[in-house]
């Protein structure tokens, strides 16, 4: 059974940093992209970042470009999200997602992804 498990969320002060991890298991050995989304209370789920199968190509949402970095460890089937210069607007539940239909050019909407983690809370205090 395909499963994604996020970890690393928590409470951080504005200007601080956090690293989120997402461990994949049960996914067939085929190429797929991995992405991060976030959802704040009362708002739609927002694209944060995505990475291609090889980890070479990365994509970011406008609101995190230059502050967040996505990376992928293929040996460990894990994707990371390094978040720097956090501010209150980054407070949300962060979700890891996989799209098993493609290996490159990840989509930027939730409908593009077919496997989801349970989410991890990130709270930035101002």
Foldseek 3Di string as FASTA:
>chain_A
DWAKAKDWADEAAAQAKTKMKIFIPPDPPDAKKKFKWWDDPPDDIFGAKIAFRVQPDIDGDPVQPPFWDWGADNVRRMIMIIGGRDDQVPWTWMKMFMQRPDRDDQDGDPVNTDYIHPTDTHGYHD
